[in-house]
Every structure is written in C-alpha cells, then in structure tokens.
Protein backbone atom coordinates (compact mmCIF):
# COMPACT_ATOMS: atom_id res chain seq x y z
CA GLY A 1 181.22 123.58 110.66
CA VAL A 2 184.04 121.26 110.65
CA ASN A 3 183.19 117.88 112.23
CA PRO A 4 179.46 118.77 112.66
CA LYS A 5 177.61 117.30 115.58
CA THR A 6 174.06 116.19 115.53
CA ALA A 7 171.37 115.58 117.98
CA LYS A 8 168.14 113.80 117.79
CA THR A 9 164.75 114.08 119.42
CA ILE A 10 161.37 112.48 119.29
CA ALA A 11 158.31 114.58 118.61
CA THR A 12 154.82 113.13 119.24
CA ILE A 13 152.11 114.38 117.11
CA ASN A 14 148.56 113.61 118.39
CA VAL A 15 145.80 113.99 115.82
CA GLU A 16 142.67 115.11 117.53
CA ASP A 17 139.37 113.89 116.19
CA GLU A 18 137.31 116.48 114.36
CA ASN A 19 133.59 116.36 114.65
CA ASP A 20 133.11 115.82 110.95
CA ASN A 21 130.52 113.07 110.92
CA SER A 22 126.87 113.61 111.75
CA PRO A 23 124.97 110.96 113.74
CA TYR A 24 122.47 108.86 111.76
CA PHE A 25 119.60 106.64 112.59
CA VAL A 26 119.60 103.00 111.90
CA PRO A 27 117.22 102.65 110.07
CA SER A 28 116.39 106.21 109.08
CA LEU A 29 112.65 105.39 108.61
CA THR A 30 110.79 103.17 111.02
CA ALA A 31 107.12 102.29 110.68
CA PHE A 32 104.95 100.11 112.87
CA GLU A 33 101.39 99.72 114.24
CA ILE A 34 100.16 99.68 117.79
CA GLU A 35 96.76 99.25 119.46
CA GLU A 36 95.00 102.58 120.36
CA ASN A 37 94.49 101.29 123.91
CA THR A 38 98.27 100.82 124.50
CA ALA A 39 98.91 101.75 128.19
CA ILE A 40 100.46 105.04 129.15
CA GLY A 41 104.14 104.48 129.92
CA ALA A 42 104.42 101.39 127.76
CA SER A 43 107.60 101.18 125.52
CA VAL A 44 106.59 100.54 121.86
CA ILE A 45 109.93 100.59 119.98
CA ASP A 46 113.65 100.94 120.58
CA LEU A 47 115.52 103.66 118.70
CA SER A 48 119.20 103.62 117.73
CA CYS A 49 121.59 105.89 116.17
CA ALA A 50 125.37 105.75 115.19
CA ASP A 51 128.16 108.11 114.67
CA ASP A 52 131.36 107.40 112.62
CA ASP A 53 133.69 109.79 114.62
CA TYR A 54 136.44 108.42 116.89
CA PRO A 55 135.14 106.25 119.68
CA GLY A 56 135.33 107.50 123.22
CA THR A 57 135.22 111.14 122.24
CA LEU A 58 132.59 113.75 122.85
CA ASN A 59 131.90 113.68 119.19
CA VAL A 60 130.20 110.18 119.53
CA LYS A 61 128.21 110.86 122.69
CA ARG A 62 124.69 110.90 121.34
CA THR A 63 121.31 111.77 122.57
CA ILE A 64 117.90 111.15 120.94
CA SER A 65 114.89 113.45 121.11
CA ILE A 66 111.53 114.01 119.48
CA ALA A 67 111.66 117.14 117.18
CA GLY A 68 108.30 117.19 115.59
CA GLY A 69 105.00 115.52 114.68
CA ASN A 70 104.34 114.58 118.29
CA VAL A 71 100.65 115.84 118.25
CA GLY A 72 99.27 116.07 121.82
CA ASN A 73 102.53 115.09 123.21
CA ALA A 74 101.50 111.48 122.62
CA PHE A 75 104.93 109.95 122.78
CA GLY A 76 108.18 110.46 124.66
CA VAL A 77 111.77 108.96 124.73
CA SER A 78 113.43 107.33 127.62
CA SER A 79 116.35 109.10 129.30
CA THR A 80 118.98 109.55 126.60
CA SER A 81 122.14 107.53 126.61
CA ILE A 82 125.69 108.24 125.41
CA GLN A 83 125.34 105.03 123.41
CA GLY A 84 122.70 106.52 121.10
CA LYS A 85 119.92 104.33 122.18
CA ALA A 86 116.38 105.17 123.64
CA SER A 87 112.91 103.74 123.96
CA LEU A 88 109.84 105.43 122.49
CA PHE A 89 107.01 105.08 124.92
CA VAL A 90 103.40 106.21 125.11
CA ARG A 91 103.09 109.49 127.06
CA SER A 92 99.41 110.24 126.83
CA ARG A 93 96.04 108.51 125.88
CA LEU A 94 95.74 107.57 122.27
CA ASP A 95 92.50 107.63 120.25
CA LEU A 96 92.09 106.35 116.75
CA GLU A 97 88.91 108.26 116.25
CA THR A 98 90.79 111.57 116.79
CA LEU A 99 94.07 110.76 115.05
CA ASP A 100 95.00 107.51 113.47
CA SER A 101 98.79 107.92 112.89
CA TYR A 102 101.76 109.97 113.69
CA ALA A 103 104.86 110.83 111.71
CA LEU A 104 107.36 111.65 114.39
CA GLU A 105 110.54 113.47 113.54
CA VAL A 106 113.40 112.40 115.70
CA ASN A 107 116.89 113.84 116.27
CA CYS A 108 120.13 112.23 117.13
CA THR A 109 122.62 115.02 118.44
CA ASP A 110 126.25 114.37 119.29
CA SER A 111 128.26 116.36 121.95
CA GLY A 112 131.00 117.62 119.62
CA THR A 113 131.93 121.29 118.96
CA PRO A 114 129.74 122.40 117.26
CA PRO A 115 127.23 119.49 117.78
CA LEU A 116 126.09 117.84 114.72
CA ARG A 117 122.62 116.31 114.26
CA GLY A 118 120.96 113.43 112.32
CA GLN A 119 117.33 113.01 111.69
CA GLY A 120 114.95 110.16 111.29
CA ILE A 121 111.14 109.52 110.85
CA VAL A 122 109.18 107.20 112.99
CA ARG A 123 105.69 106.46 111.65
CA VAL A 124 103.21 105.04 114.26
CA SER A 125 99.81 103.82 113.04
CA LEU A 126 97.10 103.03 115.41
CA SER A 127 94.86 100.00 115.08
CA SER A 128 91.24 100.06 116.32
CA VAL A 129 89.91 98.79 119.58
CA ASN A 130 86.18 98.01 120.01
CA ASP A 131 85.27 101.12 122.22
CA PHE A 132 81.65 101.75 121.22
CA ASN A 133 78.34 99.77 121.09
CA PRO A 134 76.29 100.02 118.04
CA VAL A 135 73.31 102.43 118.09
CA PHE A 136 70.06 101.89 116.27
CA GLU A 137 68.61 104.87 114.41
CA LYS A 138 65.18 104.03 115.99
CA LYS A 139 64.29 102.30 119.24
CA THR A 140 61.49 100.27 117.47
CA TYR A 141 60.70 99.44 113.93
CA SER A 142 57.19 98.35 112.40
CA ALA A 143 55.97 97.14 109.11
CA VAL A 144 52.83 95.58 107.52
CA ALA A 145 53.07 92.45 105.49
CA TYR A 146 50.47 90.67 103.59
CA GLU A 147 49.89 86.93 103.99
CA ASN A 148 50.37 86.41 100.30
CA ALA A 149 53.80 88.00 100.27
CA SER A 150 56.61 86.04 98.64
CA ILE A 151 59.53 84.51 100.20
CA GLY A 152 62.42 87.06 99.72
CA ASP A 153 60.13 90.10 99.92
CA ILE A 154 61.77 92.99 101.93
CA LEU A 155 59.51 94.10 104.78
CA LEU A 156 61.66 96.84 106.31
CA LYS A 157 65.23 98.09 106.73
CA ILE A 158 66.82 98.39 110.09
CA SER A 159 69.97 100.55 110.63
CA ALA A 160 72.57 100.90 113.27
CA SER A 161 75.81 102.78 113.45
CA ASP A 162 79.10 102.31 115.42
CA ALA A 163 81.56 105.01 116.06
CA ASP A 164 84.44 102.67 115.95
CA VAL A 165 86.79 102.81 112.98
CA GLY A 166 87.63 99.97 110.55
CA ASP A 167 86.59 96.45 111.30
CA ALA A 168 85.50 97.37 114.78
CA GLY A 169 82.91 99.81 113.42
CA ARG A 170 81.35 97.38 110.91
CA VAL A 171 77.82 96.47 112.04
CA VAL A 172 76.38 92.86 111.62
CA TYR A 173 72.68 92.16 112.21
CA GLU A 174 71.06 89.04 113.64
CA ILE A 175 67.61 87.92 114.61
CA THR A 176 67.77 86.69 118.14
CA GLY A 177 64.22 86.32 119.29
CA GLY A 178 60.50 86.22 118.41
CA ASP A 179 60.89 84.02 115.27
CA ARG A 180 60.79 80.47 116.44
CA THR A 181 59.58 79.10 113.01
CA GLY A 182 62.18 81.04 110.89
CA VAL A 183 59.63 83.14 109.05
CA PHE A 184 61.87 86.10 108.87
CA ALA A 185 65.57 86.68 108.12
CA VAL A 186 67.82 89.63 108.11
CA ASP A 187 70.65 90.72 105.75
CA ARG A 188 73.57 90.49 108.14
CA LEU A 189 75.31 93.37 106.59
CA GLY A 190 72.56 95.47 105.00
CA GLY A 191 69.93 95.29 107.70
CA ASP A 192 66.96 94.43 105.34
CA VAL A 193 64.41 92.24 107.10
CA PHE A 194 62.87 89.87 104.61
CA LEU A 195 60.50 86.87 104.42
CA ALA A 196 62.15 83.47 104.75
CA GLY A 197 58.89 81.56 105.05
CA LEU A 198 55.22 81.86 104.20
CA LEU A 199 52.80 83.85 106.33
CA ASP A 200 49.31 82.64 107.46
CA ARG A 201 47.27 85.27 109.25
CA GLU A 202 44.99 82.54 110.67
CA THR A 203 47.91 80.80 112.33
CA GLN A 204 49.66 83.93 113.56
CA SER A 205 48.52 87.57 113.03
CA ASN A 206 51.69 89.50 114.35
CA TYR A 207 55.14 89.03 115.22
CA THR A 208 57.51 90.88 117.59
CA ILE A 209 61.10 89.96 116.66
CA THR A 210 64.35 91.03 118.29
CA VAL A 211 67.19 92.06 116.07
CA MET A 212 70.74 92.43 117.46
CA ALA A 213 73.43 94.62 115.96
CA SER A 214 77.00 93.72 116.87
C-alpha cells in the first residue's frame, strides 16, 4: 500500500550433522608377532579408529569389537571407549603347535542413526617357545667297528625329534661322555656318529659313549 511499512526478524538455522562418514581404523591393517607363552590378560597392541563426522555428536562415539577370525576365543578387546580406542589382549592360552597365526577381523561402530561401521584386519603371528625336550627314537644304539676302519667312516646314525616348531624344534647332537681320547665325533645336525681317530682293539675293545640331543 501507500507508505509501506516493514519489519525484520532473525531466523536461526541450525545444520544438524548427518551420520554420513563411516569410522575407519588407523591403520586398516596391523601385523605383529608375540610369543606363544604370552600371559593371559596381557595387552599386546592398542587399536584406534577415527570418524570424520562432527565432533561431540553421537555420530563420532565409537566402539571397537572383534568380528571374526578369533579362533578359540584367543583374544579380546578392553572395554570400548567413545574415543575409539581399545587394547587387544590375550584371552586364552596360545599354542603355536595348534595354530601359528590369527587374522582378526575388527569392527569400529559409531552411535549414529543408523550406525555405520568400519572394518580392519589385525594379523597376529606366534613365535615359538621351547616347550618340549628332544626324544630319541631308541633308548640305546649299538654298532660294530673294525679296528682298521678309516677316520671319517660312519659307524651309526642316531636320531631324535622335537615337537617344537621352528628353531626351537631343531635338534643338535653332541658327545658328552665316554670318549676321553676323541676317537668318535657326531654330525651336530645329522646325527651320524663317525670315527675321528684310529681304533686299536688291543688298547680298548669297546666304548660306551653318551650323546646328548638339545
């Protein structure tokens, strides 16, 4: 109309954060090694996940869990935190001879609507601990040697096995008794007992030597 009048007001528009970013692990793939005798309850690594939604909202409150690959329920995660951090710990006894590695699938889930999830992989390899003693195939061994045998001639083969895996299961042989003059020697890795000196029946007609496997 004539001489129009106006009025003004202020409108405040708040933009609400939408849960449009999935959490993600940092890093997405983690690999490490622990000893098979690691104590139950021991923390072995810290896990962390991030979320790019607006800080302080439910969209960034994150929890971490194990989703797969946890054979025998071997591992667990500490009480989850809204900061997206947790510690992976040993939940049950580990045994390299039964299973030597784990590929854990871990989830990071936010609290938005609907909740979004990111996934990561944690690879845990076990290193051997010397659990077992070597065992000889026989309790005693015997052989006949002629006194004209040559140095280096193999007289017998001894054999022991070890149920450990890797270096801990490698058997090494050593003569520890009964051969004061060094007439005999043993292949440390192969177990062949051979002549290292000359035999003389008139001097000594028999020997009883002790071989140790370690």
